[in-house]
Amino acid sequence: MIKVTKEENKLLRWVHVQCAFVAMRSDEKFRNFYERIKQREGFQKAIVATARKLLTVIYAAEG
Protein backbone atom coordinates (compact mmCIF):
# COMPACT_ATOMS: atom_id res chain seq x y z
CA MET A 1 0.00 0.00 0.00
CA ILE A 2 1.28 3.45 -0.88
CA LYS A 3 1.00 6.09 1.82
CA VAL A 4 1.61 9.83 1.87
CA THR A 5 2.38 10.55 5.51
CA LYS A 6 4.06 13.19 7.61
CA GLU A 7 6.81 10.68 8.37
CA GLU A 8 7.72 10.74 4.68
CA ASN A 9 10.61 12.90 3.50
CA LYS A 10 9.28 16.50 3.46
CA LEU A 11 10.72 17.35 0.05
CA LEU A 12 9.36 14.15 -1.47
CA ARG A 13 5.91 14.78 0.05
CA TRP A 14 5.97 18.34 -1.36
CA VAL A 15 6.82 16.97 -4.82
CA HIS A 16 3.96 14.46 -4.59
CA VAL A 17 1.47 17.20 -3.75
CA GLN A 18 2.76 19.48 -6.52
CA CYS A 19 2.41 16.63 -9.02
CA ALA A 20 -1.14 16.09 -7.77
CA PHE A 21 -1.93 19.75 -8.48
CA VAL A 22 -0.65 19.36 -12.05
CA ALA A 23 -2.56 16.10 -12.54
CA MET A 24 -5.70 17.70 -11.16
CA ARG A 25 -5.46 20.60 -13.63
CA SER A 26 -4.64 18.49 -16.67
CA ASP A 27 -6.69 15.31 -16.20
CA GLU A 28 -10.45 15.24 -15.79
CA LYS A 29 -10.47 11.99 -13.76
CA PHE A 30 -8.07 13.39 -11.17
CA ARG A 31 -10.00 16.68 -11.08
CA ASN A 32 -13.31 14.87 -10.48
CA PHE A 33 -11.71 12.72 -7.77
CA TYR A 34 -10.24 15.80 -6.07
CA GLU A 35 -13.53 17.74 -6.17
CA ARG A 36 -15.48 14.79 -4.76
CA ILE A 37 -13.10 14.38 -1.82
CA LYS A 38 -12.82 18.15 -1.28
CA GLN A 39 -16.59 18.47 -0.75
CA ARG A 40 -16.53 15.82 1.99
CA GLU A 41 -13.14 16.25 3.64
CA GLY A 42 -11.76 19.67 2.71
CA PHE A 43 -8.86 20.97 0.64
CA GLN A 44 -5.90 19.46 2.53
CA LYS A 45 -7.18 15.90 2.69
CA ALA A 46 -8.39 16.08 -0.90
CA ILE A 47 -5.01 17.07 -2.33
CA VAL A 48 -3.19 14.42 -0.28
CA ALA A 49 -5.72 11.80 -1.41
CA THR A 50 -5.16 12.91 -5.01
CA ALA A 51 -1.39 12.63 -4.53
CA ARG A 52 -1.82 9.10 -3.20
CA LYS A 53 -4.07 8.17 -6.13
CA LEU A 54 -1.48 9.53 -8.55
CA LEU A 55 1.26 7.47 -6.88
CA THR A 56 -0.94 4.37 -7.08
CA VAL A 57 -1.49 4.93 -10.83
CA ILE A 58 2.24 5.42 -11.39
CA TYR A 59 3.10 2.32 -9.37
CA ALA A 60 0.54 0.19 -11.25
CA ALA A 61 1.82 1.39 -14.62
CA GLU A 62 5.38 0.53 -13.66
CA GLY A 63 4.75 -3.08 -12.70
PDB file of N, CA and C in Angstrom:
ATOM      1  N   MET A   1       0.842  -1.180   0.000  1.00  0.00           N
ATOM      2  CA  MET A   1       0.000   0.000   0.000  1.00  0.00           C
ATOM      3  C   MET A   1       0.888   1.245   0.000  1.00  0.00           C
ATOM      4  N   ILE A   2       0.540   2.199  -0.797  1.00  0.00           N
ATOM      5  CA  ILE A   2       1.278   3.449  -0.882  1.00  0.00           C
ATOM      6  C   ILE A   2       0.652   4.460   0.076  1.00  0.00           C
ATOM      7  N   LYS A   3       1.500   5.102   0.866  1.00  0.00           N
ATOM      8  CA  LYS A   3       1.004   6.093   1.817  1.00  0.00           C
ATOM      9  C   LYS A   3       1.733   7.412   1.613  1.00  0.00           C
ATOM     10  N   VAL A   4       1.014   8.496   1.837  1.00  0.00           N
ATOM     11  CA  VAL A   4       1.609   9.827   1.868  1.00  0.00           C
ATOM     12  C   VAL A   4       1.406  10.299   3.302  1.00  0.00           C
ATOM     13  N   THR A   5       2.493  10.247   4.089  1.00  0.00           N
ATOM     14  CA  THR A   5       2.375  10.554   5.506  1.00  0.00           C
ATOM     15  C   THR A   5       3.329  11.670   5.906  1.00  0.00           C
ATOM     16  N   LYS A   6       3.163  12.149   7.108  1.00  0.00           N
ATOM     17  CA  LYS A   6       4.057  13.191   7.612  1.00  0.00           C
ATOM     18  C   LYS A   6       5.423  12.623   7.985  1.00  0.00           C
ATOM     19  N   GLU A   7       5.527  11.300   8.092  1.00  0.00           N
ATOM     20  CA  GLU A   7       6.812  10.678   8.368  1.00  0.00           C
ATOM     21  C   GLU A   7       7.664  10.590   7.103  1.00  0.00           C
ATOM     22  N   GLU A   8       7.021  10.781   5.957  1.00  0.00           N
ATOM     23  CA  GLU A   8       7.719  10.740   4.676  1.00  0.00           C
ATOM     24  C   GLU A   8       8.675  11.936   4.572  1.00  0.00           C
ATOM     25  N   ASN A   9       9.682  11.804   3.757  1.00  0.00           N
ATOM     26  CA  ASN A   9      10.610  12.899   3.499  1.00  0.00           C
ATOM     27  C   ASN A   9       9.809  14.143   3.084  1.00  0.00           C
ATOM     28  N   LYS A  10      10.063  15.289   3.706  1.00  0.00           N
ATOM     29  CA  LYS A  10       9.279  16.499   3.459  1.00  0.00           C
ATOM     30  C   LYS A  10       9.372  16.971   2.015  1.00  0.00           C
ATOM     31  N   LEU A  11      10.550  16.917   1.442  1.00  0.00           N
ATOM     32  CA  LEU A  11      10.716  17.346   0.055  1.00  0.00           C
ATOM     33  C   LEU A  11       9.967  16.413  -0.885  1.00  0.00           C
ATOM     34  N   LEU A  12      10.055  15.126  -0.635  1.00  0.00           N
ATOM     35  CA  LEU A  12       9.358  14.152  -1.468  1.00  0.00           C
ATOM     36  C   LEU A  12       7.844  14.316  -1.362  1.00  0.00           C
ATOM     37  N   ARG A  13       7.344  14.568  -0.149  1.00  0.00           N
ATOM     38  CA  ARG A  13       5.909  14.785   0.046  1.00  0.00           C
ATOM     39  C   ARG A  13       5.466  16.044  -0.698  1.00  0.00           C
ATOM     40  N   TRP A  14       6.286  17.101  -0.648  1.00  0.00           N
ATOM     41  CA  TRP A  14       5.970  18.338  -1.355  1.00  0.00           C
ATOM     42  C   TRP A  14       5.879  18.082  -2.865  1.00  0.00           C
ATOM     43  N   VAL A  15       6.828  17.301  -3.394  1.00  0.00           N
ATOM     44  CA  VAL A  15       6.819  16.974  -4.820  1.00  0.00           C
ATOM     45  C   VAL A  15       5.560  16.183  -5.175  1.00  0.00           C
ATOM     46  N   HIS A  16       5.180  15.237  -4.332  1.00  0.00           N
ATOM     47  CA  HIS A  16       3.962  14.457  -4.592  1.00  0.00           C
ATOM     48  C   HIS A  16       2.734  15.365  -4.677  1.00  0.00           C
ATOM     49  N   VAL A  17       2.628  16.300  -3.751  1.00  0.00           N
ATOM     50  CA  VAL A  17       1.472  17.199  -3.747  1.00  0.00           C
ATOM     51  C   VAL A  17       1.501  18.124  -4.960  1.00  0.00           C
ATOM     52  N   GLN A  18       2.677  18.619  -5.333  1.00  0.00           N
ATOM     53  CA  GLN A  18       2.764  19.476  -6.518  1.00  0.00           C
ATOM     54  C   GLN A  18       2.374  18.715  -7.776  1.00  0.00           C
ATOM     55  N   CYS A  19       2.798  17.468  -7.873  1.00  0.00           N
ATOM     56  CA  CYS A  19       2.411  16.633  -9.021  1.00  0.00           C
ATOM     57  C   CYS A  19       0.899  16.395  -9.029  1.00  0.00           C
ATOM     58  N   ALA A  20       0.311  16.260  -7.858  1.00  0.00           N
ATOM     59  CA  ALA A  20      -1.136  16.086  -7.770  1.00  0.00           C
ATOM     60  C   ALA A  20      -1.861  17.331  -8.273  1.00  0.00           C
ATOM     61  N   PHE A  21      -1.336  18.521  -7.967  1.00  0.00           N
ATOM     62  CA  PHE A  21      -1.932  19.753  -8.485  1.00  0.00           C
ATOM     63  C   PHE A  21      -1.909  19.769 -10.012  1.00  0.00           C
ATOM     64  N   VAL A  22      -0.779  19.383 -10.592  1.00  0.00           N
ATOM     65  CA  VAL A  22      -0.651  19.356 -12.052  1.00  0.00           C
ATOM     66  C   VAL A  22      -1.613  18.330 -12.641  1.00  0.00           C
ATOM     67  N   ALA A  23      -1.660  17.152 -12.046  1.00  0.00           N
ATOM     68  CA  ALA A  23      -2.562  16.104 -12.538  1.00  0.00           C
ATOM     69  C   ALA A  23      -4.012  16.554 -12.445  1.00  0.00           C
ATOM     70  N   MET A  24      -4.334  17.231 -11.362  1.00  0.00           N
ATOM     71  CA  MET A  24      -5.701  17.700 -11.157  1.00  0.00           C
ATOM     72  C   MET A  24      -6.100  18.713 -12.235  1.00  0.00           C
ATOM     73  N   ARG A  25      -5.167  19.580 -12.620  1.00  0.00           N
ATOM     74  CA  ARG A  25      -5.464  20.598 -13.630  1.00  0.00           C
ATOM     75  C   ARG A  25      -5.511  20.034 -15.042  1.00  0.00           C
ATOM     76  N   SER A  26      -4.768  18.973 -15.291  1.00  0.00           N
ATOM     77  CA  SER A  26      -4.641  18.489 -16.666  1.00  0.00           C
ATOM     78  C   SER A  26      -5.452  17.239 -16.976  1.00  0.00           C
ATOM     79  N   ASP A  27      -5.958  16.555 -15.965  1.00  0.00           N
ATOM     80  CA  ASP A  27      -6.688  15.311 -16.201  1.00  0.00           C
ATOM     81  C   ASP A  27      -8.059  15.370 -15.524  1.00  0.00           C
ATOM     82  N   GLU A  28      -9.088  15.124 -16.293  1.00  0.00           N
ATOM     83  CA  GLU A  28     -10.454  15.239 -15.786  1.00  0.00           C
ATOM     84  C   GLU A  28     -10.750  14.221 -14.677  1.00  0.00           C
ATOM     85  N   LYS A  29     -10.216  13.012 -14.786  1.00  0.00           N
ATOM     86  CA  LYS A  29     -10.469  11.989 -13.763  1.00  0.00           C
ATOM     87  C   LYS A  29      -9.894  12.402 -12.412  1.00  0.00           C
ATOM     88  N   PHE A  30      -8.674  12.930 -12.421  1.00  0.00           N
ATOM     89  CA  PHE A  30      -8.074  13.394 -11.172  1.00  0.00           C
ATOM     90  C   PHE A  30      -8.830  14.610 -10.628  1.00  0.00           C
ATOM     91  N   ARG A  31      -9.251  15.500 -11.514  1.00  0.00           N
ATOM     92  CA  ARG A  31      -9.998  16.684 -11.080  1.00  0.00           C
ATOM     93  C   ARG A  31     -11.318  16.271 -10.429  1.00  0.00           C
ATOM     94  N   ASN A  32     -12.041  15.345 -11.045  1.00  0.00           N
ATOM     95  CA  ASN A  32     -13.307  14.869 -10.478  1.00  0.00           C
ATOM     96  C   ASN A  32     -13.089  14.196  -9.128  1.00  0.00           C
ATOM     97  N   PHE A  33     -12.038  13.383  -9.033  1.00  0.00           N
ATOM     98  CA  PHE A  33     -11.708  12.721  -7.775  1.00  0.00           C
ATOM     99  C   PHE A  33     -11.427  13.762  -6.695  1.00  0.00           C
ATOM    100  N   TYR A  34     -10.591  14.746  -7.021  1.00  0.00           N
ATOM    101  CA  TYR A  34     -10.240  15.804  -6.073  1.00  0.00           C
ATOM    102  C   TYR A  34     -11.485  16.561  -5.595  1.00  0.00           C
ATOM    103  N   GLU A  35     -12.335  16.967  -6.523  1.00  0.00           N
ATOM    104  CA  GLU A  35     -13.530  17.740  -6.170  1.00  0.00           C
ATOM    105  C   GLU A  35     -14.473  16.934  -5.275  1.00  0.00           C
ATOM    106  N   ARG A  36     -14.607  15.645  -5.561  1.00  0.00           N
ATOM    107  CA  ARG A  36     -15.483  14.786  -4.763  1.00  0.00           C
ATOM    108  C   ARG A  36     -14.973  14.684  -3.326  1.00  0.00           C
ATOM    109  N   ILE A  37     -13.679  14.488  -3.163  1.00  0.00           N
ATOM    110  CA  ILE A  37     -13.100  14.381  -1.820  1.00  0.00           C
ATOM    111  C   ILE A  37     -13.126  15.736  -1.114  1.00  0.00           C
ATOM    112  N   LYS A  38     -12.854  16.794  -1.858  1.00  0.00           N
ATOM    113  CA  LYS A  38     -12.824  18.148  -1.279  1.00  0.00           C
ATOM    114  C   LYS A  38     -14.165  18.517  -0.663  1.00  0.00           C
ATOM    115  N   GLN A  39     -15.266  18.149  -1.288  1.00  0.00           N
ATOM    116  CA  GLN A  39     -16.586  18.469  -0.748  1.00  0.00           C
ATOM    117  C   GLN A  39     -16.830  17.790   0.597  1.00  0.00           C
ATOM    118  N   ARG A  40     -16.314  16.572   0.752  1.00  0.00           N
ATOM    119  CA  ARG A  40     -16.529  15.824   1.993  1.00  0.00           C
ATOM    120  C   ARG A  40     -15.501  16.126   3.067  1.00  0.00           C
ATOM    121  N   GLU A  41     -14.219  16.221   2.671  1.00  0.00           N
ATOM    122  CA  GLU A  41     -13.136  16.252   3.644  1.00  0.00           C
ATOM    123  C   GLU A  41     -12.375  17.565   3.729  1.00  0.00           C
ATOM    124  N   GLY A  42     -12.498  18.416   2.706  1.00  0.00           N
ATOM    125  CA  GLY A  42     -11.758  19.669   2.712  1.00  0.00           C
ATOM    126  C   GLY A  42     -10.551  19.620   1.786  1.00  0.00           C
ATOM    127  N   PHE A  43      -9.948  20.788   1.599  1.00  0.00           N
ATOM    128  CA  PHE A  43      -8.863  20.967   0.640  1.00  0.00           C
ATOM    129  C   PHE A  43      -7.643  20.101   0.940  1.00  0.00           C
ATOM    130  N   GLN A  44      -7.150  20.149   2.187  1.00  0.00           N
ATOM    131  CA  GLN A  44      -5.900  19.459   2.532  1.00  0.00           C
ATOM    132  C   GLN A  44      -5.998  17.955   2.312  1.00  0.00           C
ATOM    133  N   LYS A  45      -7.036  17.345   2.832  1.00  0.00           N
ATOM    134  CA  LYS A  45      -7.182  15.899   2.687  1.00  0.00           C
ATOM    135  C   LYS A  45      -7.421  15.520   1.235  1.00  0.00           C
ATOM    136  N   ALA A  46      -8.106  16.375   0.502  1.00  0.00           N
ATOM    137  CA  ALA A  46      -8.386  16.081  -0.901  1.00  0.00           C
ATOM    138  C   ALA A  46      -7.117  16.078  -1.736  1.00  0.00           C
ATOM    139  N   ILE A  47      -6.227  17.015  -1.519  1.00  0.00           N
ATOM    140  CA  ILE A  47      -5.007  17.069  -2.333  1.00  0.00           C
ATOM    141  C   ILE A  47      -4.061  15.934  -1.957  1.00  0.00           C
ATOM    142  N   VAL A  48      -4.015  15.555  -0.686  1.00  0.00           N
ATOM    143  CA  VAL A  48      -3.185  14.421  -0.281  1.00  0.00           C
ATOM    144  C   VAL A  48      -3.770  13.123  -0.834  1.00  0.00           C
ATOM    145  N   ALA A  49      -5.083  12.984  -0.827  1.00  0.00           N
ATOM    146  CA  ALA A  49      -5.718  11.800  -1.409  1.00  0.00           C
ATOM    147  C   ALA A  49      -5.451  11.728  -2.909  1.00  0.00           C
ATOM    148  N   THR A  50      -5.459  12.866  -3.580  1.00  0.00           N
ATOM    149  CA  THR A  50      -5.155  12.908  -5.010  1.00  0.00           C
ATOM    150  C   THR A  50      -3.700  12.532  -5.257  1.00  0.00           C
ATOM    151  N   ALA A  51      -2.798  12.986  -4.406  1.00  0.00           N
ATOM    152  CA  ALA A  51      -1.386  12.625  -4.528  1.00  0.00           C
ATOM    153  C   ALA A  51      -1.205  11.118  -4.364  1.00  0.00           C
ATOM    154  N   ARG A  52      -1.903  10.536  -3.404  1.00  0.00           N
ATOM    155  CA  ARG A  52      -1.817   9.097  -3.203  1.00  0.00           C
ATOM    156  C   ARG A  52      -2.370   8.346  -4.405  1.00  0.00           C
ATOM    157  N   LYS A  53      -3.478   8.810  -4.943  1.00  0.00           N
ATOM    158  CA  LYS A  53      -4.066   8.173  -6.130  1.00  0.00           C
ATOM    159  C   LYS A  53      -3.097   8.246  -7.309  1.00  0.00           C
ATOM    160  N   LEU A  54      -2.452   9.387  -7.477  1.00  0.00           N
ATOM    161  CA  LEU A  54      -1.476   9.535  -8.549  1.00  0.00           C
ATOM    162  C   LEU A  54      -0.313   8.555  -8.379  1.00  0.00           C
ATOM    163  N   LEU A  55       0.183   8.421  -7.146  1.00  0.00           N
ATOM    164  CA  LEU A  55       1.263   7.471  -6.879  1.00  0.00           C
ATOM    165  C   LEU A  55       0.825   6.034  -7.151  1.00  0.00           C
ATOM    166  N   THR A  56      -0.416   5.714  -6.829  1.00  0.00           N
ATOM    167  CA  THR A  56      -0.938   4.373  -7.083  1.00  0.00           C
ATOM    168  C   THR A  56      -0.992   4.102  -8.582  1.00  0.00           C
ATOM    169  N   VAL A  57      -1.426   5.078  -9.373  1.00  0.00           N
ATOM    170  CA  VAL A  57      -1.492   4.927 -10.828  1.00  0.00           C
ATOM    171  C   VAL A  57      -0.081   4.747 -11.405  1.00  0.00           C
ATOM    172  N   ILE A  58       0.858   5.535 -10.920  1.00  0.00           N
ATOM    173  CA  ILE A  58       2.238   5.419 -11.394  1.00  0.00           C
ATOM    174  C   ILE A  58       2.814   4.049 -11.043  1.00  0.00           C
ATOM    175  N   TYR A  59       2.583   3.611  -9.818  1.00  0.00           N
ATOM    176  CA  TYR A  59       3.102   2.316  -9.375  1.00  0.00           C
ATOM    177  C   TYR A  59       2.499   1.169 -10.194  1.00  0.00           C
ATOM    178  N   ALA A  60       1.202   1.235 -10.472  1.00  0.00           N
ATOM    179  CA  ALA A  60       0.536   0.192 -11.253  1.00  0.00           C
ATOM    180  C   ALA A  60       1.047   0.165 -12.688  1.00  0.00           C
ATOM    181  N   ALA A  61       1.348   1.322 -13.252  1.00  0.00           N
ATOM    182  CA  ALA A  61       1.821   1.389 -14.624  1.00  0.00           C
ATOM    183  C   ALA A  61       3.241   0.846 -14.729  1.00  0.00           C
ATOM    184  N   GLU A  62       3.998   0.978 -13.665  1.00  0.00           N
ATOM    185  CA  GLU A  62       5.382   0.532 -13.664  1.00  0.00           C
ATOM    186  C   GLU A  62       5.499  -0.987 -13.642  1.00  0.00           C
ATOM    187  N   GLY A  63       4.622  -1.639 -12.900  1.00  0.00           N
ATOM    188  CA  GLY A  63       4.747  -3.080 -12.698  1.00  0.00           C
ATOM    189  C   GLY A  63       3.965  -3.826 -13.683  1.00  0.00           C
TER     190      GLY A  63
END
